[in-house]
Amino acid sequence: MFRSRGLKIFFIVVFSVIVIGLAGYLWFYFMDSNKIGSAKDKNNDIKYIIKNLTVDTDEITTNLKDDHYIKVQFKIQVSNKDAKKELTDREFQVKNAIIYILSGMTPRDLQGPKGLTRLENLIKSKINQDLESGQVTHVYTTEKIIQ
């Protein structure tokens, strides 16, 4: 077909580079879209977590150790669906635990990220003492106002 052997080799090399490049592109494209932890999976994961593994507390207003008041609200994430149901059933105990913990704190104890993290960890520990069908994995503060 080609008169020159060099031209034949040139077209074979060009064709091979195109095929390898296309195969590499398709491989990376499909590996990236099927990767665990991709944006699509994370969106599905967060929707699943919100729907099946989190409980929102009501707004809780209570006094602190001194003459200040606090209004707080939390989103509590648990390890499984059974724990969510149990946590919902134990809502009164959750409120009691939160009020109990806050009653021993001052506004200074709740300042900054370290204060919030400490409060969330205390709530998590206290609730985990009562749960039988799972555990609290995270406590998120969704509202906090101190007066």
C-alpha atoms as a PDB file:
ATOM      1  CA  MET A   1       0.000   0.000   0.000  1.00  0.00           C
ATOM      2  CA  PHE A   2       2.703   2.474   1.020  1.00  0.00           C
ATOM      3  CA  ARG A   3       5.706   2.699  -1.269  1.00  0.00           C
ATOM      4  CA  SER A   4       8.153   3.519   1.446  1.00  0.00           C
ATOM      5  CA  ARG A   5       8.790   1.313   4.435  1.00  0.00           C
ATOM      6  CA  GLY A   6       9.521   4.417   6.587  1.00  0.00           C
ATOM      7  CA  LEU A   7       6.095   5.929   5.803  1.00  0.00           C
ATOM      8  CA  LYS A   8       4.424   2.665   6.764  1.00  0.00           C
ATOM      9  CA  ILE A   9       6.236   2.595  10.131  1.00  0.00           C
ATOM     10  CA  PHE A  10       5.371   6.277  10.702  1.00  0.00           C
ATOM     11  CA  PHE A  11       1.629   5.649  10.261  1.00  0.00           C
ATOM     12  CA  ILE A  12       1.725   2.581  12.505  1.00  0.00           C
ATOM     13  CA  VAL A  13       3.447   4.590  15.248  1.00  0.00           C
ATOM     14  CA  VAL A  14       0.981   7.520  14.909  1.00  0.00           C
ATOM     15  CA  PHE A  15      -1.986   5.144  14.953  1.00  0.00           C
ATOM     16  CA  SER A  16      -0.597   3.337  18.036  1.00  0.00           C
ATOM     17  CA  VAL A  17      -0.043   6.613  19.903  1.00  0.00           C
ATOM     18  CA  ILE A  18      -3.616   7.703  19.147  1.00  0.00           C
ATOM     19  CA  VAL A  19      -5.079   4.374  20.310  1.00  0.00           C
ATOM     20  CA  ILE A  20      -2.962   4.309  23.504  1.00  0.00           C
ATOM     21  CA  GLY A  21      -3.801   7.960  24.239  1.00  0.00           C
ATOM     22  CA  LEU A  22      -7.530   7.333  23.775  1.00  0.00           C
ATOM     23  CA  ALA A  23      -7.397   4.204  25.932  1.00  0.00           C
ATOM     24  CA  GLY A  24      -5.508   6.096  28.653  1.00  0.00           C
ATOM     25  CA  TYR A  25      -7.988   8.968  28.577  1.00  0.00           C
ATOM     26  CA  LEU A  26     -10.980   6.615  28.845  1.00  0.00           C
ATOM     27  CA  TRP A  27      -9.327   4.630  31.650  1.00  0.00           C
ATOM     28  CA  PHE A  28      -8.634   7.767  33.722  1.00  0.00           C
ATOM     29  CA  TYR A  29     -12.103   9.153  32.977  1.00  0.00           C
ATOM     30  CA  PHE A  30     -13.902   6.019  34.164  1.00  0.00           C
ATOM     31  CA  MET A  31     -11.557   5.395  37.111  1.00  0.00           C
ATOM     32  CA  ASP A  32     -12.097   8.951  38.331  1.00  0.00           C
ATOM     33  CA  SER A  33     -15.898   8.789  38.052  1.00  0.00           C
ATOM     34  CA  ASN A  34     -16.066   5.396  39.799  1.00  0.00           C
ATOM     35  CA  LYS A  35     -13.618   6.282  42.539  1.00  0.00           C
ATOM     36  CA  ILE A  36     -14.829   5.835  46.101  1.00  0.00           C
ATOM     37  CA  GLY A  37     -15.083   9.261  47.628  1.00  0.00           C
ATOM     38  CA  SER A  38     -15.894  11.082  44.408  1.00  0.00           C
ATOM     39  CA  ALA A  39     -18.130  14.164  44.631  1.00  0.00           C
ATOM     40  CA  LYS A  40     -21.155  12.152  43.489  1.00  0.00           C
ATOM     41  CA  ASP A  41     -20.592   9.541  46.221  1.00  0.00           C
ATOM     42  CA  LYS A  42     -20.050  12.223  48.856  1.00  0.00           C
ATOM     43  CA  ASN A  43     -23.369  13.889  47.930  1.00  0.00           C
ATOM     44  CA  ASN A  44     -25.149  10.545  48.215  1.00  0.00           C
ATOM     45  CA  ASP A  45     -23.363   9.806  51.481  1.00  0.00           C
ATOM     46  CA  ILE A  46     -24.323  13.119  53.076  1.00  0.00           C
ATOM     47  CA  LYS A  47     -27.949  12.720  51.983  1.00  0.00           C
ATOM     48  CA  TYR A  48     -27.995   9.219  53.461  1.00  0.00           C
ATOM     49  CA  ILE A  49     -26.412  10.444  56.698  1.00  0.00           C
ATOM     50  CA  ILE A  50     -28.857  13.317  57.092  1.00  0.00           C
ATOM     51  CA  LYS A  51     -31.890  11.166  56.344  1.00  0.00           C
ATOM     52  CA  ASN A  52     -30.965   8.014  58.251  1.00  0.00           C
ATOM     53  CA  LEU A  53     -28.325   8.791  60.849  1.00  0.00           C
ATOM     54  CA  THR A  54     -28.951  12.248  62.321  1.00  0.00           C
ATOM     55  CA  VAL A  55     -31.358  13.687  64.850  1.00  0.00           C
ATOM     56  CA  ASP A  56     -31.926  17.404  65.385  1.00  0.00           C
ATOM     57  CA  THR A  57     -32.514  18.582  68.912  1.00  0.00           C
ATOM     58  CA  ASP A  58     -35.089  21.224  69.655  1.00  0.00           C
ATOM     59  CA  GLU A  59     -33.872  24.661  70.601  1.00  0.00           C
ATOM     60  CA  ILE A  60     -32.785  24.459  74.223  1.00  0.00           C
ATOM     61  CA  THR A  61     -32.624  27.559  76.389  1.00  0.00           C
ATOM     62  CA  THR A  62     -31.140  27.222  79.856  1.00  0.00           C
ATOM     63  CA  ASN A  63     -29.056  29.084  82.393  1.00  0.00           C
ATOM     64  CA  LEU A  64     -25.325  28.655  82.735  1.00  0.00           C
ATOM     65  CA  LYS A  65     -23.324  28.404  85.933  1.00  0.00           C
ATOM     66  CA  ASP A  66     -23.380  32.184  86.383  1.00  0.00           C
ATOM     67  CA  ASP A  67     -26.060  34.748  85.500  1.00  0.00           C
ATOM     68  CA  HIS A  68     -25.961  34.074  81.756  1.00  0.00           C
ATOM     69  CA  TYR A  69     -28.381  32.191  79.546  1.00  0.00           C
ATOM     70  CA  ILE A  70     -27.651  30.075  76.507  1.00  0.00           C
ATOM     71  CA  LYS A  71     -29.782  29.021  73.581  1.00  0.00           C
ATOM     72  CA  VAL A  72     -28.385  26.008  71.697  1.00  0.00           C
ATOM     73  CA  GLN A  73     -29.380  23.483  69.098  1.00  0.00           C
ATOM     74  CA  PHE A  74     -27.510  20.405  67.907  1.00  0.00           C
ATOM     75  CA  LYS A  75     -27.494  17.843  65.116  1.00  0.00           C
ATOM     76  CA  ILE A  76     -26.484  14.466  66.516  1.00  0.00           C
ATOM     77  CA  GLN A  77     -25.128  11.773  64.205  1.00  0.00           C
ATOM     78  CA  VAL A  78     -25.309   8.118  65.216  1.00  0.00           C
ATOM     79  CA  SER A  79     -23.734   4.919  63.938  1.00  0.00           C
ATOM     80  CA  ASN A  80     -26.837   3.148  62.589  1.00  0.00           C
ATOM     81  CA  LYS A  81     -30.585   3.423  61.957  1.00  0.00           C
ATOM     82  CA  ASP A  82     -31.510   1.577  65.149  1.00  0.00           C
ATOM     83  CA  ALA A  83     -29.498   4.069  67.164  1.00  0.00           C
ATOM     84  CA  LYS A  84     -31.348   6.916  65.436  1.00  0.00           C
ATOM     85  CA  LYS A  85     -34.687   5.453  66.461  1.00  0.00           C
ATOM     86  CA  GLU A  86     -33.478   4.905  70.006  1.00  0.00           C
ATOM     87  CA  LEU A  87     -32.074   8.437  70.184  1.00  0.00           C
ATOM     88  CA  THR A  88     -35.394   9.837  68.979  1.00  0.00           C
ATOM     89  CA  ASP A  89     -37.200   7.828  71.667  1.00  0.00           C
ATOM     90  CA  ARG A  90     -34.751   9.083  74.298  1.00  0.00           C
ATOM     91  CA  GLU A  91     -35.179  12.750  73.327  1.00  0.00           C
ATOM     92  CA  PHE A  92     -36.039  13.720  76.902  1.00  0.00           C
ATOM     93  CA  GLN A  93     -32.789  12.163  78.138  1.00  0.00           C
ATOM     94  CA  VAL A  94     -30.807  13.997  75.461  1.00  0.00           C
ATOM     95  CA  LYS A  95     -32.288  17.322  76.555  1.00  0.00           C
ATOM     96  CA  ASN A  96     -31.593  16.455  80.181  1.00  0.00           C
ATOM     97  CA  ALA A  97     -27.968  15.600  79.382  1.00  0.00           C
ATOM     98  CA  ILE A  98     -27.456  18.864  77.497  1.00  0.00           C
ATOM     99  CA  ILE A  99     -29.041  20.971  80.270  1.00  0.00           C
ATOM    100  CA  TYR A 100     -27.045  19.093  82.904  1.00  0.00           C
ATOM    101  CA  ILE A 101     -23.750  19.721  81.104  1.00  0.00           C
ATOM    102  CA  LEU A 102     -24.503  23.374  80.360  1.00  0.00           C
ATOM    103  CA  SER A 103     -25.538  24.107  83.946  1.00  0.00           C
ATOM    104  CA  GLY A 104     -21.968  23.509  85.060  1.00  0.00           C
ATOM    105  CA  MET A 105     -20.362  25.738  82.426  1.00  0.00           C
ATOM    106  CA  THR A 106     -19.649  29.455  82.140  1.00  0.00           C
ATOM    107  CA  PRO A 107     -19.618  31.570  78.961  1.00  0.00           C
ATOM    108  CA  ARG A 108     -15.832  31.479  79.114  1.00  0.00           C
ATOM    109  CA  ASP A 109     -15.919  27.653  78.984  1.00  0.00           C
ATOM    110  CA  LEU A 110     -17.862  27.876  75.716  1.00  0.00           C
ATOM    111  CA  GLN A 111     -15.680  30.411  73.932  1.00  0.00           C
ATOM    112  CA  GLY A 112     -13.954  29.555  70.688  1.00  0.00           C
ATOM    113  CA  PRO A 113     -13.584  26.298  68.813  1.00  0.00           C
ATOM    114  CA  LYS A 114     -11.991  24.506  71.775  1.00  0.00           C
ATOM    115  CA  GLY A 115     -14.949  25.347  73.988  1.00  0.00           C
ATOM    116  CA  LEU A 116     -17.460  24.096  71.430  1.00  0.00           C
ATOM    117  CA  THR A 117     -15.455  20.950  70.793  1.00  0.00           C
ATOM    118  CA  ARG A 118     -15.335  20.245  74.526  1.00  0.00           C
ATOM    119  CA  LEU A 119     -19.098  20.771  74.848  1.00  0.00           C
ATOM    120  CA  GLU A 120     -19.817  18.502  71.861  1.00  0.00           C
ATOM    121  CA  ASN A 121     -17.537  15.784  73.257  1.00  0.00           C
ATOM    122  CA  LEU A 122     -19.174  15.978  76.688  1.00  0.00           C
ATOM    123  CA  ILE A 123     -22.636  15.650  75.116  1.00  0.00           C
ATOM    124  CA  LYS A 124     -21.454  12.744  72.973  1.00  0.00           C
ATOM    125  CA  SER A 125     -20.008  10.907  75.983  1.00  0.00           C
ATOM    126  CA  LYS A 126     -23.083  11.487  78.135  1.00  0.00           C
ATOM    127  CA  ILE A 127     -25.527  10.283  75.458  1.00  0.00           C
ATOM    128  CA  ASN A 128     -23.374   7.239  74.640  1.00  0.00           C
ATOM    129  CA  GLN A 129     -23.762   6.105  78.255  1.00  0.00           C
ATOM    130  CA  ASP A 130     -27.498   5.638  77.646  1.00  0.00           C
ATOM    131  CA  LEU A 131     -27.588   4.289  74.067  1.00  0.00           C
ATOM    132  CA  GLU A 132     -27.865   0.531  73.682  1.00  0.00           C
ATOM    133  CA  SER A 133     -28.247  -0.024  69.926  1.00  0.00           C
ATOM    134  CA  GLY A 134     -25.387   2.108  68.633  1.00  0.00           C
ATOM    135  CA  GLN A 135     -23.245   5.098  69.387  1.00  0.00           C
ATOM    136  CA  VAL A 136     -23.179   8.821  68.807  1.00  0.00           C
ATOM    137  CA  THR A 137     -20.422   9.446  66.286  1.00  0.00           C
ATOM    138  CA  HIS A 138     -20.620  13.252  66.031  1.00  0.00           C
ATOM    139  CA  VAL A 139     -22.386  16.131  67.714  1.00  0.00           C
ATOM    140  CA  TYR A 140     -22.661  19.280  65.616  1.00  0.00           C
ATOM    141  CA  THR A 141     -23.589  22.626  67.124  1.00  0.00           C
ATOM    142  CA  THR A 142     -26.083  24.270  64.760  1.00  0.00           C
ATOM    143  CA  GLU A 143     -27.000  27.229  66.970  1.00  0.00           C
ATOM    144  CA  LYS A 144     -25.423  28.894  70.004  1.00  0.00           C
ATOM    145  CA  ILE A 145     -26.371  32.218  71.565  1.00  0.00           C
ATOM    146  CA  ILE A 146     -25.157  33.311  74.994  1.00  0.00           C
ATOM    147  CA  GLN A 147     -26.721  36.283  76.796  1.00  0.00           C
END
